[in-house]
């Protein structure tokens, strides 16, 4: 079997299904909110911030995180 490798420039261009949804991981969310991971978990558990599990990873909508960060100022 022959393995074919493509460079980034050679890969077929696909458009995202939802280009308006920008997701961030827990570390980025912590930085945006200026909290540690325990406080981030408390925000999720108290329904102040929605979290999404994608392929075993937790992600947050950047707009949700930014609006919560603005409300916490």
N, C-alpha and C. Protein backbone atom coordinates (compact mmCIF):
# COMPACT_ATOMS: atom_id res chain seq x y z
N UNK A 1 0.85 -1.17 0.00
CA UNK A 1 0.00 0.00 0.00
C UNK A 1 0.90 1.23 0.00
N UNK A 2 0.58 2.18 -0.81
CA UNK A 2 1.34 3.41 -0.91
C UNK A 2 0.63 4.51 -0.13
N UNK A 3 1.39 5.21 0.68
CA UNK A 3 0.81 6.30 1.45
C UNK A 3 1.09 7.61 0.71
N UNK A 4 0.07 8.36 0.49
CA UNK A 4 0.21 9.64 -0.20
C UNK A 4 0.11 10.75 0.83
N UNK A 5 1.10 11.62 0.83
CA UNK A 5 1.08 12.76 1.73
C UNK A 5 0.87 14.02 0.92
N UNK A 6 0.04 14.90 1.45
CA UNK A 6 -0.22 16.17 0.78
C UNK A 6 0.25 17.31 1.66
N UNK A 7 0.77 18.32 1.04
CA UNK A 7 1.11 19.51 1.79
C UNK A 7 -0.17 20.29 2.04
N UNK A 8 -0.10 21.26 2.92
CA UNK A 8 -1.28 22.07 3.24
C UNK A 8 -1.81 22.75 1.99
N UNK A 9 -0.92 23.23 1.13
CA UNK A 9 -1.35 23.91 -0.09
C UNK A 9 -2.04 22.97 -1.06
N UNK A 10 -1.71 21.67 -1.01
CA UNK A 10 -2.28 20.71 -1.94
C UNK A 10 -3.61 20.12 -1.47
N UNK A 11 -3.92 20.26 -0.21
CA UNK A 11 -5.15 19.68 0.33
C UNK A 11 -6.36 20.36 -0.28
N UNK A 12 -7.41 19.58 -0.51
CA UNK A 12 -8.62 20.20 -1.05
C UNK A 12 -9.19 21.21 -0.06
N UNK A 13 -9.64 22.31 -0.56
CA UNK A 13 -10.19 23.35 0.30
C UNK A 13 -11.63 23.01 0.65
N UNK A 14 -11.92 23.00 1.92
CA UNK A 14 -13.29 22.77 2.38
C UNK A 14 -13.72 23.97 3.18
N UNK A 15 -14.96 24.29 3.08
CA UNK A 15 -15.49 25.41 3.86
C UNK A 15 -16.10 24.85 5.13
N UNK A 16 -15.90 25.53 6.25
CA UNK A 16 -16.49 25.04 7.49
C UNK A 16 -18.01 25.06 7.40
N UNK A 17 -18.64 24.12 8.07
CA UNK A 17 -20.10 24.04 8.02
C UNK A 17 -20.75 25.20 8.76
N UNK A 18 -20.10 25.70 9.80
CA UNK A 18 -20.61 26.83 10.56
C UNK A 18 -19.48 27.84 10.78
N UNK A 19 -19.22 28.68 9.79
CA UNK A 19 -18.08 29.60 9.90
C UNK A 19 -18.26 30.65 10.99
N UNK A 20 -19.50 30.87 11.45
CA UNK A 20 -19.73 31.89 12.46
C UNK A 20 -19.49 31.38 13.88
N UNK A 21 -19.24 30.08 14.05
CA UNK A 21 -19.00 29.52 15.38
C UNK A 21 -17.50 29.38 15.58
N UNK A 22 -16.98 30.09 16.57
CA UNK A 22 -15.56 30.05 16.88
C UNK A 22 -15.42 29.43 18.26
N UNK A 23 -14.75 28.30 18.36
CA UNK A 23 -14.62 27.58 19.61
C UNK A 23 -13.24 27.77 20.21
N UNK A 24 -13.18 27.80 21.54
CA UNK A 24 -11.91 27.88 22.25
C UNK A 24 -11.85 26.73 23.25
N UNK A 25 -10.63 26.35 23.60
CA UNK A 25 -10.42 25.28 24.57
C UNK A 25 -10.42 25.84 25.99
N UNK A 26 -10.28 24.96 26.96
CA UNK A 26 -10.30 25.39 28.36
C UNK A 26 -9.20 26.38 28.72
N UNK A 27 -8.00 26.19 28.20
CA UNK A 27 -6.91 27.12 28.54
C UNK A 27 -7.18 28.52 28.02
N UNK A 28 -7.68 28.61 26.78
CA UNK A 28 -8.01 29.92 26.23
C UNK A 28 -9.16 30.56 27.00
N UNK A 29 -10.15 29.75 27.38
CA UNK A 29 -11.27 30.27 28.15
C UNK A 29 -10.80 30.79 29.51
N UNK A 30 -9.90 30.06 30.15
CA UNK A 30 -9.36 30.50 31.44
C UNK A 30 -8.62 31.83 31.29
N UNK A 31 -7.85 31.95 30.22
CA UNK A 31 -7.12 33.20 29.99
C UNK A 31 -8.06 34.36 29.74
N UNK A 32 -9.12 34.12 28.97
CA UNK A 32 -10.07 35.18 28.66
C UNK A 32 -10.84 35.63 29.90
N UNK A 33 -11.15 34.67 30.78
CA UNK A 33 -11.93 34.96 31.98
C UNK A 33 -11.06 35.31 33.19
N UNK A 34 -9.77 35.11 33.07
CA UNK A 34 -8.81 35.31 34.16
C UNK A 34 -9.23 34.49 35.39
N UNK A 35 -9.39 33.19 35.15
CA UNK A 35 -9.74 32.25 36.21
C UNK A 35 -8.87 31.01 36.04
N UNK A 36 -8.85 30.17 37.07
CA UNK A 36 -8.15 28.89 36.92
C UNK A 36 -9.15 27.83 36.47
N UNK A 37 -8.68 26.62 36.25
CA UNK A 37 -9.55 25.56 35.72
C UNK A 37 -10.66 25.18 36.69
N UNK A 38 -10.40 25.24 37.99
CA UNK A 38 -11.43 24.91 38.98
C UNK A 38 -12.58 25.93 38.91
N UNK A 39 -12.24 27.21 38.77
CA UNK A 39 -13.27 28.23 38.67
C UNK A 39 -14.04 28.11 37.35
N UNK A 40 -13.34 27.72 36.28
CA UNK A 40 -14.01 27.51 35.01
C UNK A 40 -15.02 26.38 35.13
N UNK A 41 -14.65 25.31 35.81
CA UNK A 41 -15.57 24.20 36.03
C UNK A 41 -16.78 24.64 36.85
N UNK A 42 -16.57 25.50 37.84
CA UNK A 42 -17.69 26.02 38.63
C UNK A 42 -18.64 26.84 37.75
N UNK A 43 -18.10 27.62 36.83
CA UNK A 43 -18.94 28.41 35.92
C UNK A 43 -19.79 27.50 35.04
N UNK A 44 -19.20 26.39 34.59
CA UNK A 44 -19.94 25.44 33.76
C UNK A 44 -21.00 24.74 34.59
N UNK A 45 -20.64 24.28 35.79
CA UNK A 45 -21.59 23.56 36.63
C UNK A 45 -22.74 24.42 37.13
N UNK A 46 -22.51 25.73 37.24
CA UNK A 46 -23.57 26.64 37.69
C UNK A 46 -24.35 27.23 36.51
N UNK A 47 -24.16 26.67 35.32
CA UNK A 47 -24.86 27.08 34.10
C UNK A 47 -24.61 28.54 33.72
N UNK A 48 -23.49 29.09 34.13
CA UNK A 48 -23.13 30.44 33.70
C UNK A 48 -22.40 30.41 32.37
N UNK A 49 -21.85 29.25 32.01
CA UNK A 49 -21.10 29.10 30.77
C UNK A 49 -21.40 27.72 30.18
N UNK A 50 -21.77 27.70 28.91
CA UNK A 50 -22.07 26.43 28.23
C UNK A 50 -20.78 25.80 27.72
N UNK A 51 -20.69 24.50 27.86
CA UNK A 51 -19.53 23.75 27.38
C UNK A 51 -20.01 22.68 26.42
N UNK A 52 -19.18 22.37 25.44
CA UNK A 52 -19.53 21.37 24.43
C UNK A 52 -18.41 20.34 24.36
N UNK A 53 -18.80 19.06 24.30
CA UNK A 53 -17.81 17.98 24.17
C UNK A 53 -17.76 17.58 22.71
N UNK A 54 -16.58 17.74 22.13
CA UNK A 54 -16.37 17.38 20.72
C UNK A 54 -15.21 16.41 20.63
N UNK A 55 -15.52 15.18 20.31
CA UNK A 55 -14.47 14.18 20.16
C UNK A 55 -13.63 13.98 21.40
N UNK A 56 -14.24 14.07 22.56
CA UNK A 56 -13.51 13.88 23.80
C UNK A 56 -12.86 15.14 24.34
N UNK A 57 -13.03 16.25 23.65
CA UNK A 57 -12.45 17.52 24.08
C UNK A 57 -13.56 18.49 24.48
N UNK A 58 -13.30 19.29 25.49
CA UNK A 58 -14.25 20.30 25.92
C UNK A 58 -13.94 21.59 25.18
N UNK A 59 -14.98 22.21 24.63
CA UNK A 59 -14.83 23.47 23.92
C UNK A 59 -15.91 24.44 24.38
N UNK A 60 -15.61 25.72 24.22
CA UNK A 60 -16.53 26.79 24.59
C UNK A 60 -16.68 27.73 23.41
N UNK A 61 -17.86 28.29 23.22
CA UNK A 61 -18.03 29.30 22.17
C UNK A 61 -17.32 30.56 22.63
N UNK A 62 -16.48 31.11 21.77
CA UNK A 62 -15.71 32.30 22.14
C UNK A 62 -16.62 33.48 22.44
N UNK A 63 -17.77 33.57 21.77
CA UNK A 63 -18.69 34.67 22.06
C UNK A 63 -19.29 34.55 23.45
N UNK A 64 -19.57 33.32 23.88
CA UNK A 64 -20.10 33.10 25.24
C UNK A 64 -19.05 33.49 26.29
N UNK A 65 -17.81 33.08 26.04
CA UNK A 65 -16.74 33.38 26.98
C UNK A 65 -16.49 34.90 27.04
N UNK A 66 -16.48 35.54 25.87
CA UNK A 66 -16.25 36.98 25.83
C UNK A 66 -17.37 37.76 26.52
N UNK A 67 -18.61 37.34 26.34
CA UNK A 67 -19.71 38.05 26.98
C UNK A 67 -19.68 37.83 28.50
N UNK A 68 -19.31 36.64 28.94
CA UNK A 68 -19.20 36.40 30.37
C UNK A 68 -18.03 37.19 30.95
N UNK A 69 -16.95 37.29 30.21
CA UNK A 69 -15.80 38.08 30.66
C UNK A 69 -16.18 39.54 30.81
N UNK A 70 -16.97 40.07 29.88
CA UNK A 70 -17.43 41.45 29.96
C UNK A 70 -18.37 41.67 31.12
N UNK A 71 -19.20 40.68 31.43
CA UNK A 71 -20.14 40.80 32.54
C UNK A 71 -19.43 40.72 33.89
N UNK A 72 -18.28 40.07 33.91
CA UNK A 72 -17.56 39.90 35.18
C UNK A 72 -16.70 41.10 35.52
N UNK A 73 -16.54 42.06 34.59
CA UNK A 73 -15.69 43.23 34.87
C UNK A 73 -16.31 44.17 35.85
